[in-house]
N, C-alpha and C. Protein backbone atom coordinates (compact mmCIF):
# COMPACT_ATOMS: atom_id res chain seq x y z
N MET A 1 51.67 12.69 6.30
CA MET A 1 50.75 12.76 7.41
C MET A 1 49.46 13.50 7.01
N ARG A 2 49.51 14.33 5.98
CA ARG A 2 48.33 15.06 5.55
C ARG A 2 47.35 14.14 4.82
N LYS A 3 47.83 13.03 4.34
CA LYS A 3 46.96 12.11 3.60
C LYS A 3 46.00 11.37 4.53
N LEU A 4 46.40 11.17 5.77
CA LEU A 4 45.58 10.42 6.71
C LEU A 4 44.21 11.06 6.93
N PRO A 5 44.10 12.38 7.18
CA PRO A 5 42.76 12.98 7.34
C PRO A 5 41.92 12.87 6.07
N VAL A 6 42.56 12.99 4.91
CA VAL A 6 41.82 12.89 3.65
C VAL A 6 41.28 11.47 3.47
N ILE A 7 42.11 10.49 3.75
CA ILE A 7 41.68 9.09 3.64
C ILE A 7 40.55 8.82 4.64
N PHE A 8 40.69 9.32 5.85
CA PHE A 8 39.66 9.14 6.87
C PHE A 8 38.35 9.78 6.43
N PHE A 9 38.42 10.99 5.88
CA PHE A 9 37.23 11.71 5.44
C PHE A 9 36.49 10.93 4.36
N PHE A 10 37.20 10.51 3.33
CA PHE A 10 36.55 9.80 2.23
C PHE A 10 36.08 8.41 2.66
N GLY A 11 36.81 7.78 3.55
CA GLY A 11 36.36 6.49 4.08
C GLY A 11 35.07 6.64 4.86
N SER A 12 34.99 7.68 5.68
CA SER A 12 33.78 7.93 6.46
C SER A 12 32.61 8.27 5.54
N LEU A 13 32.87 9.08 4.54
CA LEU A 13 31.83 9.45 3.58
C LEU A 13 31.29 8.22 2.87
N PHE A 14 32.18 7.33 2.47
CA PHE A 14 31.77 6.10 1.80
C PHE A 14 30.90 5.25 2.72
N MET A 15 31.33 5.10 3.97
CA MET A 15 30.58 4.27 4.92
C MET A 15 29.19 4.86 5.18
N LEU A 16 29.11 6.17 5.36
CA LEU A 16 27.83 6.80 5.63
C LEU A 16 26.88 6.71 4.44
N SER A 17 27.42 6.76 3.24
CA SER A 17 26.57 6.70 2.06
C SER A 17 25.95 5.32 1.88
N HIS A 18 26.51 4.31 2.51
CA HIS A 18 25.99 2.96 2.37
C HIS A 18 25.25 2.48 3.62
N CYS A 19 24.99 3.36 4.57
CA CYS A 19 24.32 2.97 5.81
C CYS A 19 22.82 3.21 5.77
N GLU A 20 22.31 3.88 4.75
CA GLU A 20 20.90 4.18 4.70
C GLU A 20 20.10 2.89 4.54
N GLU A 21 19.01 2.79 5.30
CA GLU A 21 18.16 1.61 5.24
C GLU A 21 17.48 1.54 3.88
N GLU A 22 17.52 0.39 3.27
CA GLU A 22 16.87 0.22 1.99
C GLU A 22 15.39 -0.05 2.21
N ARG A 23 14.57 0.65 1.48
CA ARG A 23 13.13 0.45 1.55
C ARG A 23 12.69 -0.18 0.24
N PRO A 24 11.76 -1.10 0.33
CA PRO A 24 11.29 -1.70 -0.92
C PRO A 24 10.58 -0.65 -1.77
N MET A 25 10.85 -0.67 -3.04
CA MET A 25 10.21 0.27 -3.95
C MET A 25 8.79 -0.21 -4.22
N THR A 26 7.85 0.65 -4.00
CA THR A 26 6.46 0.30 -4.24
C THR A 26 5.73 1.55 -4.71
N ASN A 27 4.76 1.36 -5.57
CA ASN A 27 4.03 2.51 -6.09
C ASN A 27 2.83 2.86 -5.22
N CYS A 28 2.67 2.18 -4.09
CA CYS A 28 1.53 2.50 -3.23
C CYS A 28 1.92 3.46 -2.11
N ILE A 29 3.17 3.88 -2.07
CA ILE A 29 3.63 4.83 -1.05
C ILE A 29 4.02 6.14 -1.72
N ASP A 30 3.48 7.22 -1.21
CA ASP A 30 3.82 8.55 -1.71
C ASP A 30 4.79 9.19 -0.71
N PRO A 31 6.08 9.29 -1.06
CA PRO A 31 7.07 9.84 -0.13
C PRO A 31 6.73 11.23 0.38
N GLU A 32 5.98 12.01 -0.39
CA GLU A 32 5.62 13.36 0.04
C GLU A 32 4.58 13.35 1.16
N ARG A 33 3.89 12.23 1.35
CA ARG A 33 2.86 12.13 2.40
C ARG A 33 3.42 11.59 3.71
N ILE A 34 4.67 11.16 3.72
CA ILE A 34 5.26 10.61 4.94
C ILE A 34 5.52 11.73 5.93
N THR A 35 4.92 11.61 7.10
CA THR A 35 5.10 12.62 8.15
C THR A 35 5.29 11.94 9.50
N SER A 36 5.73 12.69 10.45
CA SER A 36 5.91 12.14 11.80
C SER A 36 4.90 12.74 12.77
N GLY A 37 3.79 13.19 12.25
CA GLY A 37 2.76 13.78 13.10
C GLY A 37 2.17 12.77 14.08
N PRO A 38 1.49 13.26 15.10
CA PRO A 38 0.94 12.38 16.13
C PRO A 38 -0.28 11.60 15.65
N CYS A 39 -0.43 10.40 16.16
CA CYS A 39 -1.62 9.57 15.94
C CYS A 39 -2.06 9.04 17.30
N THR A 40 -3.34 8.72 17.40
CA THR A 40 -3.82 8.11 18.64
C THR A 40 -3.25 6.69 18.73
N MET A 41 -3.27 6.14 19.91
CA MET A 41 -2.76 4.79 20.12
C MET A 41 -3.89 3.75 20.04
N ASP A 42 -5.07 4.16 19.56
CA ASP A 42 -6.18 3.22 19.39
C ASP A 42 -5.76 2.12 18.43
N TYR A 43 -6.01 0.87 18.80
CA TYR A 43 -5.65 -0.24 17.93
C TYR A 43 -6.86 -0.63 17.11
N ASN A 44 -6.84 -0.27 15.86
CA ASN A 44 -7.86 -0.60 14.88
C ASN A 44 -7.10 -0.93 13.61
N PRO A 45 -6.51 -2.14 13.51
CA PRO A 45 -5.54 -2.46 12.46
C PRO A 45 -6.07 -2.30 11.04
N VAL A 46 -5.17 -1.88 10.19
CA VAL A 46 -5.45 -1.80 8.76
C VAL A 46 -4.31 -2.48 8.01
N CYS A 47 -4.63 -3.04 6.86
CA CYS A 47 -3.63 -3.69 6.01
C CYS A 47 -3.26 -2.72 4.90
N GLY A 48 -2.01 -2.30 4.90
CA GLY A 48 -1.55 -1.35 3.90
C GLY A 48 -1.33 -2.00 2.55
N CYS A 49 -1.35 -1.20 1.51
CA CYS A 49 -1.12 -1.70 0.15
C CYS A 49 0.27 -2.29 -0.01
N ASP A 50 1.15 -2.04 0.96
CA ASP A 50 2.50 -2.60 0.92
C ASP A 50 2.59 -3.96 1.62
N GLY A 51 1.44 -4.46 2.12
CA GLY A 51 1.42 -5.77 2.76
C GLY A 51 1.74 -5.76 4.24
N ASN A 52 1.91 -4.59 4.83
CA ASN A 52 2.21 -4.48 6.26
C ASN A 52 0.96 -4.06 7.03
N THR A 53 0.85 -4.54 8.27
CA THR A 53 -0.25 -4.17 9.14
C THR A 53 0.14 -2.94 9.95
N TYR A 54 -0.75 -1.95 9.99
CA TYR A 54 -0.54 -0.71 10.74
C TYR A 54 -1.57 -0.66 11.86
N GLY A 55 -1.22 -0.03 12.96
CA GLY A 55 -2.08 0.02 14.14
C GLY A 55 -3.42 0.68 13.90
N ASN A 56 -3.46 1.65 13.02
CA ASN A 56 -4.72 2.32 12.68
C ASN A 56 -4.52 3.10 11.37
N ALA A 57 -5.61 3.66 10.87
CA ALA A 57 -5.55 4.37 9.59
C ALA A 57 -4.62 5.58 9.65
N CYS A 58 -4.56 6.23 10.79
CA CYS A 58 -3.67 7.38 10.94
C CYS A 58 -2.22 6.98 10.74
N ALA A 59 -1.83 5.85 11.35
CA ALA A 59 -0.45 5.38 11.21
C ALA A 59 -0.14 5.03 9.76
N ALA A 60 -1.11 4.45 9.06
CA ALA A 60 -0.93 4.12 7.65
C ALA A 60 -0.78 5.40 6.82
N ASP A 61 -1.63 6.37 7.11
CA ASP A 61 -1.57 7.64 6.40
C ASP A 61 -0.24 8.35 6.63
N ARG A 62 0.22 8.37 7.87
CA ARG A 62 1.49 9.03 8.21
C ARG A 62 2.68 8.32 7.57
N SER A 63 2.50 7.04 7.22
CA SER A 63 3.57 6.28 6.57
C SER A 63 3.57 6.49 5.06
N GLY A 64 2.65 7.31 4.57
CA GLY A 64 2.63 7.66 3.16
C GLY A 64 1.84 6.73 2.27
N LEU A 65 1.10 5.80 2.87
CA LEU A 65 0.34 4.85 2.06
C LEU A 65 -0.77 5.55 1.30
N LYS A 66 -0.98 5.11 0.06
CA LYS A 66 -2.05 5.66 -0.75
C LYS A 66 -3.37 4.94 -0.50
N SER A 67 -3.30 3.67 -0.04
CA SER A 67 -4.53 2.92 0.22
C SER A 67 -4.28 1.83 1.26
N TRP A 68 -5.36 1.42 1.91
CA TRP A 68 -5.32 0.34 2.89
C TRP A 68 -6.73 -0.19 3.06
N THR A 69 -6.83 -1.37 3.68
CA THR A 69 -8.12 -1.99 3.95
C THR A 69 -8.23 -2.25 5.45
N SER A 70 -9.45 -2.33 5.94
CA SER A 70 -9.67 -2.60 7.36
C SER A 70 -9.21 -4.00 7.71
N GLY A 71 -8.65 -4.15 8.89
CA GLY A 71 -8.20 -5.45 9.37
C GLY A 71 -6.72 -5.67 9.13
N ALA A 72 -6.17 -6.59 9.91
CA ALA A 72 -4.75 -6.91 9.80
C ALA A 72 -4.48 -7.68 8.51
N CYS A 73 -3.27 -7.56 8.01
CA CYS A 73 -2.85 -8.32 6.83
C CYS A 73 -2.71 -9.79 7.21
N SER A 74 -2.96 -10.66 6.25
CA SER A 74 -2.75 -12.09 6.52
C SER A 74 -1.25 -12.35 6.56
N LYS A 75 -0.86 -13.27 7.44
CA LYS A 75 0.57 -13.59 7.59
C LYS A 75 1.07 -14.33 6.37
N LYS A 76 2.28 -13.97 5.94
CA LYS A 76 2.92 -14.64 4.81
C LYS A 76 3.77 -15.78 5.35
N ASP A 77 3.59 -16.97 4.80
CA ASP A 77 4.40 -18.11 5.23
C ASP A 77 5.49 -18.41 4.24
């Protein structure tokens, strides 16, 4: 009966270690710059170096992007 808690513990540990969302590896994002600070809700879209559109430059900066351009990214088909 003592084995059941140990099995449960290691099973849970295994499951939790594989639940993290995978992020695409890119050299245009600096993980040290990622913050959850506030940004205005003004919509002035920018296209991030990762190919995603952000609502404004502040949102791109808070996401750790090293560079972006004005305007929304073109849609990928």
